[in-house]
Amino acid sequence: RFTTGRRRKTWVQNVLSLGLAAGFMEPLESTGLHL
């Protein structure tokens, strides 16, 4: 289960989010690992 979208901020204070913690794009154009 997923919700397509992104964090409003992917870097907050001393925390950076990557991968699914940063957001989700369905794998239609294979962009997950590229992000």
PDB file of all heavy atoms in Angstrom:
ATOM      1  N   ARG A   1       0.847  -1.185   0.000  1.00  0.00           N
ATOM      2  CA  ARG A   1       0.000   0.000   0.000  1.00  0.00           C
ATOM      3  C   ARG A   1       0.886   1.239   0.000  1.00  0.00           C
ATOM      4  O   ARG A   1       1.921   1.265   0.664  1.00  0.00           O
ATOM      5  CB  ARG A   1      -0.917   0.018   1.224  1.00  0.00           C
ATOM      6  CG  ARG A   1      -1.868  -1.168   1.281  1.00  0.00           C
ATOM      7  CD  ARG A   1      -2.854  -1.032   2.420  1.00  0.00           C
ATOM      8  NE  ARG A   1      -3.781  -2.161   2.461  1.00  0.00           N
ATOM      9  CZ  ARG A   1      -4.881  -2.194   3.195  1.00  0.00           C
ATOM     10  NH1 ARG A   1      -5.193  -1.162   3.966  1.00  0.00           N
ATOM     11  NH2 ARG A   1      -5.667  -3.261   3.174  1.00  0.00           N
ATOM     12  N   PHE A   2       0.474   2.240  -0.734  1.00  0.00           N
ATOM     13  CA  PHE A   2       1.280   3.459  -0.810  1.00  0.00           C
ATOM     14  C   PHE A   2       0.401   4.653  -1.135  1.00  0.00           C
ATOM     15  O   PHE A   2      -0.741   4.515  -1.571  1.00  0.00           O
ATOM     16  CB  PHE A   2       2.389   3.320  -1.870  1.00  0.00           C
ATOM     17  CG  PHE A   2       1.890   2.925  -3.237  1.00  0.00           C
ATOM     18  CD1 PHE A   2       1.412   3.886  -4.127  1.00  0.00           C
ATOM     19  CD2 PHE A   2       1.903   1.594  -3.647  1.00  0.00           C
ATOM     20  CE1 PHE A   2       0.948   3.518  -5.387  1.00  0.00           C
ATOM     21  CE2 PHE A   2       1.436   1.216  -4.900  1.00  0.00           C
ATOM     22  CZ  PHE A   2       0.961   2.186  -5.776  1.00  0.00           C
ATOM     23  N   THR A   3       0.949   5.817  -0.898  1.00  0.00           N
ATOM     24  CA  THR A   3       0.312   7.078  -1.269  1.00  0.00           C
ATOM     25  C   THR A   3       1.302   7.863  -2.105  1.00  0.00           C
ATOM     26  O   THR A   3       2.374   8.244  -1.611  1.00  0.00           O
ATOM     27  CB  THR A   3      -0.071   7.904  -0.024  1.00  0.00           C
ATOM     28  OG1 THR A   3      -0.978   7.144   0.779  1.00  0.00           O
ATOM     29  CG2 THR A   3      -0.739   9.216  -0.426  1.00  0.00           C
ATOM     30  N   THR A   4       0.997   8.066  -3.359  1.00  0.00           N
ATOM     31  CA  THR A   4       1.908   8.799  -4.227  1.00  0.00           C
ATOM     32  C   THR A   4       2.013  10.249  -3.767  1.00  0.00           C
ATOM     33  O   THR A   4       1.012  10.904  -3.490  1.00  0.00           O
ATOM     34  CB  THR A   4       1.416   8.752  -5.677  1.00  0.00           C
ATOM     35  OG1 THR A   4       1.379   7.390  -6.111  1.00  0.00           O
ATOM     36  CG2 THR A   4       2.353   9.536  -6.596  1.00  0.00           C
ATOM     37  N   GLY A   5       3.244  10.726  -3.683  1.00  0.00           N
ATOM     38  CA  GLY A   5       3.481  12.097  -3.243  1.00  0.00           C
ATOM     39  C   GLY A   5       4.876  12.240  -2.676  1.00  0.00           C
ATOM     40  O   GLY A   5       5.742  11.389  -2.916  1.00  0.00           O
ATOM     41  N   ARG A   6       5.086  13.283  -1.897  1.00  0.00           N
ATOM     42  CA  ARG A   6       6.417  13.533  -1.322  1.00  0.00           C
ATOM     43  C   ARG A   6       6.278  14.256   0.012  1.00  0.00           C
ATOM     44  O   ARG A   6       5.255  14.877   0.311  1.00  0.00           O
ATOM     45  CB  ARG A   6       7.263  14.388  -2.271  1.00  0.00           C
ATOM     46  CG  ARG A   6       6.711  15.801  -2.479  1.00  0.00           C
ATOM     47  CD  ARG A   6       7.689  16.694  -3.216  1.00  0.00           C
ATOM     48  NE  ARG A   6       7.163  18.034  -3.432  1.00  0.00           N
ATOM     49  CZ  ARG A   6       7.211  19.017  -2.554  1.00  0.00           C
ATOM     50  NH1 ARG A   6       7.789  18.818  -1.370  1.00  0.00           N
ATOM     51  NH2 ARG A   6       6.704  20.207  -2.826  1.00  0.00           N
ATOM     52  N   ARG A   7       7.354  14.155   0.811  1.00  0.00           N
ATOM     53  CA  ARG A   7       7.410  14.957   2.032  1.00  0.00           C
ATOM     54  C   ARG A   7       7.434  16.441   1.651  1.00  0.00           C
ATOM     55  O   ARG A   7       8.080  16.823   0.668  1.00  0.00           O
ATOM     56  CB  ARG A   7       8.663  14.652   2.844  1.00  0.00           C
ATOM     57  CG  ARG A   7       8.820  13.215   3.261  1.00  0.00           C
ATOM     58  CD  ARG A   7       7.868  12.784   4.341  1.00  0.00           C
ATOM     59  NE  ARG A   7       8.000  11.347   4.568  1.00  0.00           N
ATOM     60  CZ  ARG A   7       7.089  10.578   5.108  1.00  0.00           C
ATOM     61  NH1 ARG A   7       5.923  11.101   5.485  1.00  0.00           N
ATOM     62  NH2 ARG A   7       7.294   9.292   5.259  1.00  0.00           N
ATOM     63  N   ARG A   8       6.757  17.239   2.431  1.00  0.00           N
ATOM     64  CA  ARG A   8       6.790  18.688   2.167  1.00  0.00           C
ATOM     65  C   ARG A   8       8.212  19.230   2.339  1.00  0.00           C
ATOM     66  O   ARG A   8       8.630  20.137   1.628  1.00  0.00           O
ATOM     67  CB  ARG A   8       5.821  19.414   3.088  1.00  0.00           C
ATOM     68  CG  ARG A   8       4.365  19.051   2.812  1.00  0.00           C
ATOM     69  CD  ARG A   8       3.405  19.928   3.587  1.00  0.00           C
ATOM     70  NE  ARG A   8       2.031  19.491   3.387  1.00  0.00           N
ATOM     71  CZ  ARG A   8       1.290  19.812   2.336  1.00  0.00           C
ATOM     72  NH1 ARG A   8       1.805  20.595   1.393  1.00  0.00           N
ATOM     73  NH2 ARG A   8       0.049  19.378   2.213  1.00  0.00           N
ATOM     74  N   LYS A   9       8.931  18.635   3.274  1.00  0.00           N
ATOM     75  CA  LYS A   9      10.358  18.931   3.428  1.00  0.00           C
ATOM     76  C   LYS A   9      11.080  17.606   3.586  1.00  0.00           C
ATOM     77  O   LYS A   9      10.738  16.810   4.465  1.00  0.00           O
ATOM     78  CB  LYS A   9      10.608  19.819   4.644  1.00  0.00           C
ATOM     79  CG  LYS A   9      10.036  21.228   4.530  1.00  0.00           C
ATOM     80  CD  LYS A   9      10.378  22.048   5.766  1.00  0.00           C
ATOM     81  CE  LYS A   9       9.835  23.468   5.631  1.00  0.00           C
ATOM     82  NZ  LYS A   9      10.160  24.280   6.833  1.00  0.00           N
ATOM     83  N   THR A  10      12.061  17.375   2.743  1.00  0.00           N
ATOM     84  CA  THR A  10      12.808  16.114   2.822  1.00  0.00           C
ATOM     85  C   THR A  10      14.072  16.244   3.672  1.00  0.00           C
ATOM     86  O   THR A  10      14.702  15.247   3.997  1.00  0.00           O
ATOM     87  CB  THR A  10      13.181  15.619   1.408  1.00  0.00           C
ATOM     88  OG1 THR A  10      13.698  16.707   0.646  1.00  0.00           O
ATOM     89  CG2 THR A  10      11.956  15.064   0.694  1.00  0.00           C
ATOM     90  N   TRP A  11      14.438  17.468   4.026  1.00  0.00           N
ATOM     91  CA  TRP A  11      15.543  17.725   4.961  1.00  0.00           C
ATOM     92  C   TRP A  11      15.000  18.672   6.022  1.00  0.00           C
ATOM     93  O   TRP A  11      14.603  19.807   5.730  1.00  0.00           O
ATOM     94  CB  TRP A  11      16.723  18.335   4.216  1.00  0.00           C
ATOM     95  CG  TRP A  11      17.931  18.660   5.055  1.00  0.00           C
ATOM     96  CD1 TRP A  11      18.017  18.758   6.414  1.00  0.00           C
ATOM     97  CD2 TRP A  11      19.253  18.943   4.574  1.00  0.00           C
ATOM     98  NE1 TRP A  11      19.284  19.081   6.812  1.00  0.00           N
ATOM     99  CE2 TRP A  11      20.063  19.199   5.697  1.00  0.00           C
ATOM    100  CE3 TRP A  11      19.811  19.007   3.298  1.00  0.00           C
ATOM    101  CZ2 TRP A  11      21.420  19.522   5.577  1.00  0.00           C
ATOM    102  CZ3 TRP A  11      21.158  19.332   3.179  1.00  0.00           C
ATOM    103  CH2 TRP A  11      21.950  19.585   4.298  1.00  0.00           C
ATOM    104  N   VAL A  12      14.958  18.214   7.269  1.00  0.00           N
ATOM    105  CA  VAL A  12      14.500  19.011   8.402  1.00  0.00           C
ATOM    106  C   VAL A  12      15.539  18.934   9.504  1.00  0.00           C
ATOM    107  O   VAL A  12      15.892  17.837   9.946  1.00  0.00           O
ATOM    108  CB  VAL A  12      13.135  18.526   8.932  1.00  0.00           C
ATOM    109  CG1 VAL A  12      12.692  19.364  10.130  1.00  0.00           C
ATOM    110  CG2 VAL A  12      12.070  18.567   7.836  1.00  0.00           C
ATOM    111  N   GLN A  13      16.059  20.089   9.909  1.00  0.00           N
ATOM    112  CA  GLN A  13      17.088  20.175  10.957  1.00  0.00           C
ATOM    113  C   GLN A  13      18.273  19.279  10.612  1.00  0.00           C
ATOM    114  O   GLN A  13      18.910  19.489   9.588  1.00  0.00           O
ATOM    115  CB  GLN A  13      16.451  19.900  12.319  1.00  0.00           C
ATOM    116  CG  GLN A  13      15.463  21.001  12.697  1.00  0.00           C
ATOM    117  CD  GLN A  13      14.858  20.849  14.059  1.00  0.00           C
ATOM    118  OE1 GLN A  13      13.655  20.708  14.195  1.00  0.00           O
ATOM    119  NE2 GLN A  13      15.670  20.895  15.096  1.00  0.00           N
ATOM    120  N   ASN A  14      18.550  18.278  11.416  1.00  0.00           N
ATOM    121  CA  ASN A  14      19.712  17.425  11.105  1.00  0.00           C
ATOM    122  C   ASN A  14      19.293  16.051  10.599  1.00  0.00           C
ATOM    123  O   ASN A  14      19.983  15.050  10.813  1.00  0.00           O
ATOM    124  CB  ASN A  14      20.630  17.290  12.325  1.00  0.00           C
ATOM    125  CG  ASN A  14      19.993  16.472  13.454  1.00  0.00           C
ATOM    126  OD1 ASN A  14      18.774  16.472  13.610  1.00  0.00           O
ATOM    127  ND2 ASN A  14      20.812  15.806  14.254  1.00  0.00           N
ATOM    128  N   VAL A  15      18.151  16.011   9.891  1.00  0.00           N
ATOM    129  CA  VAL A  15      17.662  14.751   9.332  1.00  0.00           C
ATOM    130  C   VAL A  15      17.334  14.937   7.854  1.00  0.00           C
ATOM    131  O   VAL A  15      16.597  15.851   7.475  1.00  0.00           O
ATOM    132  CB  VAL A  15      16.404  14.253  10.073  1.00  0.00           C
ATOM    133  CG1 VAL A  15      15.806  13.044   9.361  1.00  0.00           C
ATOM    134  CG2 VAL A  15      16.744  13.892  11.519  1.00  0.00           C
ATOM    135  N   LEU A  16      17.882  14.055   7.032  1.00  0.00           N
ATOM    136  CA  LEU A  16      17.580  13.986   5.603  1.00  0.00           C
ATOM    137  C   LEU A  16      16.845  12.683   5.346  1.00  0.00           C
ATOM    138  O   LEU A  16      17.218  11.637   5.880  1.00  0.00           O
ATOM    139  CB  LEU A  16      18.883  14.011   4.798  1.00  0.00           C
ATOM    140  CG  LEU A  16      18.755  13.863   3.275  1.00  0.00           C
ATOM    141  CD1 LEU A  16      18.411  15.211   2.665  1.00  0.00           C
ATOM    142  CD2 LEU A  16      20.038  13.312   2.676  1.00  0.00           C
ATOM    143  N   SER A  17      15.796  12.733   4.527  1.00  0.00           N
ATOM    144  CA  SER A  17      15.077  11.505   4.179  1.00  0.00           C
ATOM    145  C   SER A  17      15.404  11.093   2.753  1.00  0.00           C
ATOM    146  O   SER A  17      15.562  11.937   1.871  1.00  0.00           O
ATOM    147  CB  SER A  17      13.569  11.700   4.346  1.00  0.00           C
ATOM    148  OG  SER A  17      13.100  12.795   3.577  1.00  0.00           O
ATOM    149  N   LEU A  18      15.511   9.793   2.539  1.00  0.00           N
ATOM    150  CA  LEU A  18      15.810   9.233   1.225  1.00  0.00           C
ATOM    151  C   LEU A  18      14.897   8.042   0.950  1.00  0.00           C
ATOM    152  O   LEU A  18      14.363   7.424   1.869  1.00  0.00           O
ATOM    153  CB  LEU A  18      17.267   8.766   1.141  1.00  0.00           C
ATOM    154  CG  LEU A  18      18.370   9.810   1.046  1.00  0.00           C
ATOM    155  CD1 LEU A  18      19.722   9.109   1.109  1.00  0.00           C
ATOM    156  CD2 LEU A  18      18.254  10.640  -0.214  1.00  0.00           C
ATOM    157  N   GLY A  19      14.761   7.713  -0.333  1.00  0.00           N
ATOM    158  CA  GLY A  19      13.964   6.567  -0.715  1.00  0.00           C
ATOM    159  C   GLY A  19      12.505   6.781  -0.366  1.00  0.00           C
ATOM    160  O   GLY A  19      11.961   7.882  -0.478  1.00  0.00           O
ATOM    161  N   LEU A  20      11.838   5.725   0.102  1.00  0.00           N
ATOM    162  CA  LEU A  20      10.415   5.804   0.405  1.00  0.00           C
ATOM    163  C   LEU A  20      10.130   6.708   1.589  1.00  0.00           C
ATOM    164  O   LEU A  20       8.994   7.166   1.754  1.00  0.00           O
ATOM    165  CB  LEU A  20       9.864   4.401   0.676  1.00  0.00           C
ATOM    166  CG  LEU A  20       9.972   3.410  -0.485  1.00  0.00           C
ATOM    167  CD1 LEU A  20       9.432   2.047  -0.065  1.00  0.00           C
ATOM    168  CD2 LEU A  20       9.228   3.925  -1.709  1.00  0.00           C
ATOM    169  N   ALA A  21      11.121   6.988   2.410  1.00  0.00           N
ATOM    170  CA  ALA A  21      10.925   7.925   3.513  1.00  0.00           C
ATOM    171  C   ALA A  21      10.764   9.351   3.001  1.00  0.00           C
ATOM    172  O   ALA A  21      10.193  10.204   3.691  1.00  0.00           O
ATOM    173  CB  ALA A  21      12.101   7.857   4.489  1.00  0.00           C
ATOM    174  N   ALA A  22      11.245   9.619   1.785  1.00  0.00           N
ATOM    175  CA  ALA A  22      11.160  10.969   1.208  1.00  0.00           C
ATOM    176  C   ALA A  22       9.911  11.158   0.362  1.00  0.00           C
ATOM    177  O   ALA A  22       9.413  12.276   0.219  1.00  0.00           O
ATOM    178  CB  ALA A  22      12.399  11.252   0.367  1.00  0.00           C
ATOM    179  N   GLY A  23       9.405  10.077  -0.210  1.00  0.00           N
ATOM    180  CA  GLY A  23       8.236  10.178  -1.071  1.00  0.00           C
ATOM    181  C   GLY A  23       8.100   8.917  -1.895  1.00  0.00           C
ATOM    182  O   GLY A  23       8.959   8.029  -1.851  1.00  0.00           O
ATOM    183  N   PHE A  24       7.009   8.848  -2.655  1.00  0.00           N
ATOM    184  CA  PHE A  24       6.795   7.664  -3.476  1.00  0.00           C
ATOM    185  C   PHE A  24       6.234   8.049  -4.833  1.00  0.00           C
ATOM    186  O   PHE A  24       5.241   8.779  -4.935  1.00  0.00           O
ATOM    187  CB  PHE A  24       5.829   6.682  -2.811  1.00  0.00           C
ATOM    188  CG  PHE A  24       5.639   5.417  -3.609  1.00  0.00           C
ATOM    189  CD1 PHE A  24       6.574   4.405  -3.556  1.00  0.00           C
ATOM    190  CD2 PHE A  24       4.540   5.256  -4.438  1.00  0.00           C
ATOM    191  CE1 PHE A  24       6.412   3.247  -4.299  1.00  0.00           C
ATOM    192  CE2 PHE A  24       4.361   4.106  -5.192  1.00  0.00           C
ATOM    193  CZ  PHE A  24       5.315   3.097  -5.123  1.00  0.00           C
ATOM    194  N   MET A  25       6.897   7.567  -5.866  1.00  0.00           N
ATOM    195  CA  MET A  25       6.407   7.647  -7.238  1.00  0.00           C
ATOM    196  C   MET A  25       6.198   6.215  -7.721  1.00  0.00           C
ATOM    197  O   MET A  25       7.120   5.396  -7.633  1.00  0.00           O
ATOM    198  CB  MET A  25       7.427   8.332  -8.148  1.00  0.00           C
ATOM    199  CG  MET A  25       7.695   9.777  -7.801  1.00  0.00           C
ATOM    200  SD  MET A  25       6.300  10.828  -8.210  1.00  0.00           S
ATOM    201  CE  MET A  25       7.093  12.418  -8.196  1.00  0.00           C
ATOM    202  N   GLU A  26       5.004   5.899  -8.192  1.00  0.00           N
ATOM    203  CA  GLU A  26       4.796   4.542  -8.671  1.00  0.00           C
ATOM    204  C   GLU A  26       5.862   4.205  -9.710  1.00  0.00           C
ATOM    205  O   GLU A  26       6.356   5.085 -10.424  1.00  0.00           O
ATOM    206  CB  GLU A  26       3.393   4.382  -9.240  1.00  0.00           C
ATOM    207  CG  GLU A  26       3.077   5.266 -10.418  1.00  0.00           C
ATOM    208  CD  GLU A  26       1.649   5.054 -10.901  1.00  0.00           C
ATOM    209  OE1 GLU A  26       0.718   5.664 -10.360  1.00  0.00           O
ATOM    210  OE2 GLU A  26       1.476   4.257 -11.829  1.00  0.00           O
ATOM    211  N   PRO A  27       6.245   2.929  -9.825  1.00  0.00           N
ATOM    212  CA  PRO A  27       7.415   2.556 -10.637  1.00  0.00           C
ATOM    213  C   PRO A  27       7.167   2.546 -12.142  1.00  0.00           C
ATOM    214  O   PRO A  27       7.831   1.815 -12.873  1.00  0.00           O
ATOM    215  CB  PRO A  27       7.753   1.161 -10.114  1.00  0.00           C
ATOM    216  CG  PRO A  27       6.455   0.606  -9.625  1.00  0.00           C
ATOM    217  CD  PRO A  27       5.706   1.782  -9.060  1.00  0.00           C
ATOM    218  N   LEU A  28       6.263   3.374 -12.608  1.00  0.00           N
ATOM    219  CA  LEU A  28       5.895   3.407 -14.018  1.00  0.00           C
ATOM    220  C   LEU A  28       7.078   3.731 -14.919  1.00  0.00           C
ATOM    221  O   LEU A  28       7.228   3.178 -16.007  1.00  0.00           O
ATOM    222  CB  LEU A  28       4.779   4.444 -14.205  1.00  0.00           C
ATOM    223  CG  LEU A  28       4.220   4.653 -15.598  1.00  0.00           C
ATOM    224  CD1 LEU A  28       3.667   3.356 -16.157  1.00  0.00           C
ATOM    225  CD2 LEU A  28       3.126   5.722 -15.563  1.00  0.00           C
ATOM    226  N   GLU A  29       7.928   4.670 -14.493  1.00  0.00           N
ATOM    227  CA  GLU A  29       9.106   5.047 -15.285  1.00  0.00           C
ATOM    228  C   GLU A  29      10.407   4.764 -14.538  1.00  0.00           C
ATOM    229  O   GLU A  29      11.445   5.367 -14.805  1.00  0.00           O
ATOM    230  CB  GLU A  29       9.031   6.520 -15.685  1.00  0.00           C
ATOM    231  CG  GLU A  29       8.017   6.810 -16.796  1.00  0.00           C
ATOM    232  CD  GLU A  29       8.488   6.361 -18.177  1.00  0.00           C
ATOM    233  OE1 GLU A  29       9.646   5.913 -18.302  1.00  0.00           O
ATOM    234  OE2 GLU A  29       7.691   6.450 -19.140  1.00  0.00           O
ATOM    235  N   SER A  30      10.340   3.841 -13.563  1.00  0.00           N
ATOM    236  CA  SER A  30      11.549   3.314 -12.903  1.00  0.00           C
ATOM    237  C   SER A  30      12.392   4.399 -12.247  1.00  0.00           C
ATOM    238  O   SER A  30      13.614   4.404 -12.357  1.00  0.00           O
ATOM    239  CB  SER A  30      12.402   2.540 -13.915  1.00  0.00           C
ATOM    240  OG  SER A  30      11.633   1.638 -14.662  1.00  0.00           O
ATOM    241  N   THR A  31      11.748   5.309 -11.522  1.00  0.00           N
ATOM    242  CA  THR A  31      12.471   6.447 -10.948  1.00  0.00           C
ATOM    243  C   THR A  31      12.819   6.285  -9.474  1.00  0.00           C
ATOM    244  O   THR A  31      13.479   7.149  -8.906  1.00  0.00           O
ATOM    245  CB  THR A  31      11.639   7.729 -11.107  1.00  0.00           C
ATOM    246  OG1 THR A  31      10.323   7.506 -10.570  1.00  0.00           O
ATOM    247  CG2 THR A  31      11.520   8.127 -12.567  1.00  0.00           C
ATOM    248  N   GLY A  32      12.384   5.195  -8.828  1.00  0.00           N
ATOM    249  CA  GLY A  32      12.580   5.053  -7.394  1.00  0.00           C
ATOM    250  C   GLY A  32      14.026   5.143  -6.957  1.00  0.00           C
ATOM    251  O   GLY A  32      14.392   5.973  -6.114  1.00  0.00           O
ATOM    252  N   LEU A  33      14.882   4.289  -7.506  1.00  0.00           N
ATOM    253  CA  LEU A  33      16.292   4.309  -7.108  1.00  0.00           C
ATOM    254  C   LEU A  33      16.988   5.576  -7.592  1.00  0.00           C
ATOM    255  O   LEU A  33      17.916   6.065  -6.951  1.00  0.00           O
ATOM    256  CB  LEU A  33      17.007   3.068  -7.640  1.00  0.00           C
ATOM    257  CG  LEU A  33      16.619   1.744  -6.971  1.00  0.00           C
ATOM    258  CD1 LEU A  33      17.442   0.603  -7.543  1.00  0.00           C
ATOM    259  CD2 LEU A  33      16.808   1.807  -5.463  1.00  0.00           C
ATOM    260  N   HIS A  34      16.519   6.125  -8.718  1.00  0.00           N
ATOM    261  CA  HIS A  34      17.143   7.363  -9.187  1.00  0.00           C
ATOM    262  C   HIS A  34      16.900   8.502  -8.202  1.00  0.00           C
ATOM    263  O   HIS A  34      17.805   9.320  -7.971  1.00  0.00           O
ATOM    264  CB  HIS A  34      16.617   7.770 -10.553  1.00  0.00           C
ATOM    265  CG  HIS A  34      17.141   9.113 -10.976  1.00  0.00           C
ATOM    266  ND1 HIS A  34      18.413   9.282 -11.477  1.00  0.00           N
ATOM    267  CD2 HIS A  34      16.594  10.354 -10.907  1.00  0.00           C
ATOM    268  CE1 HIS A  34      18.620  10.565 -11.710  1.00  0.00           C
ATOM    269  NE2 HIS A  34      17.530  11.233 -11.375  1.00  0.00           N
ATOM    270  N   LEU A  35      15.711   8.589  -7.630  1.00  0.00           N
ATOM    271  CA  LEU A  35      15.444   9.652  -6.669  1.00  0.00           C
ATOM    272  C   LEU A  35      16.342   9.524  -5.440  1.00  0.00           C
ATOM    273  O   LEU A  35      16.796  10.530  -4.878  1.00  0.00           O
ATOM    274  CB  LEU A  35      13.967   9.648  -6.283  1.00  0.00           C
ATOM    275  CG  LEU A  35      13.026  10.206  -7.357  1.00  0.00           C
ATOM    276  CD1 LEU A  35      11.583   9.861  -7.030  1.00  0.00           C
ATOM    277  CD2 LEU A  35      13.203  11.707  -7.499  1.00  0.00           C
TER     278      LEU A  35
END
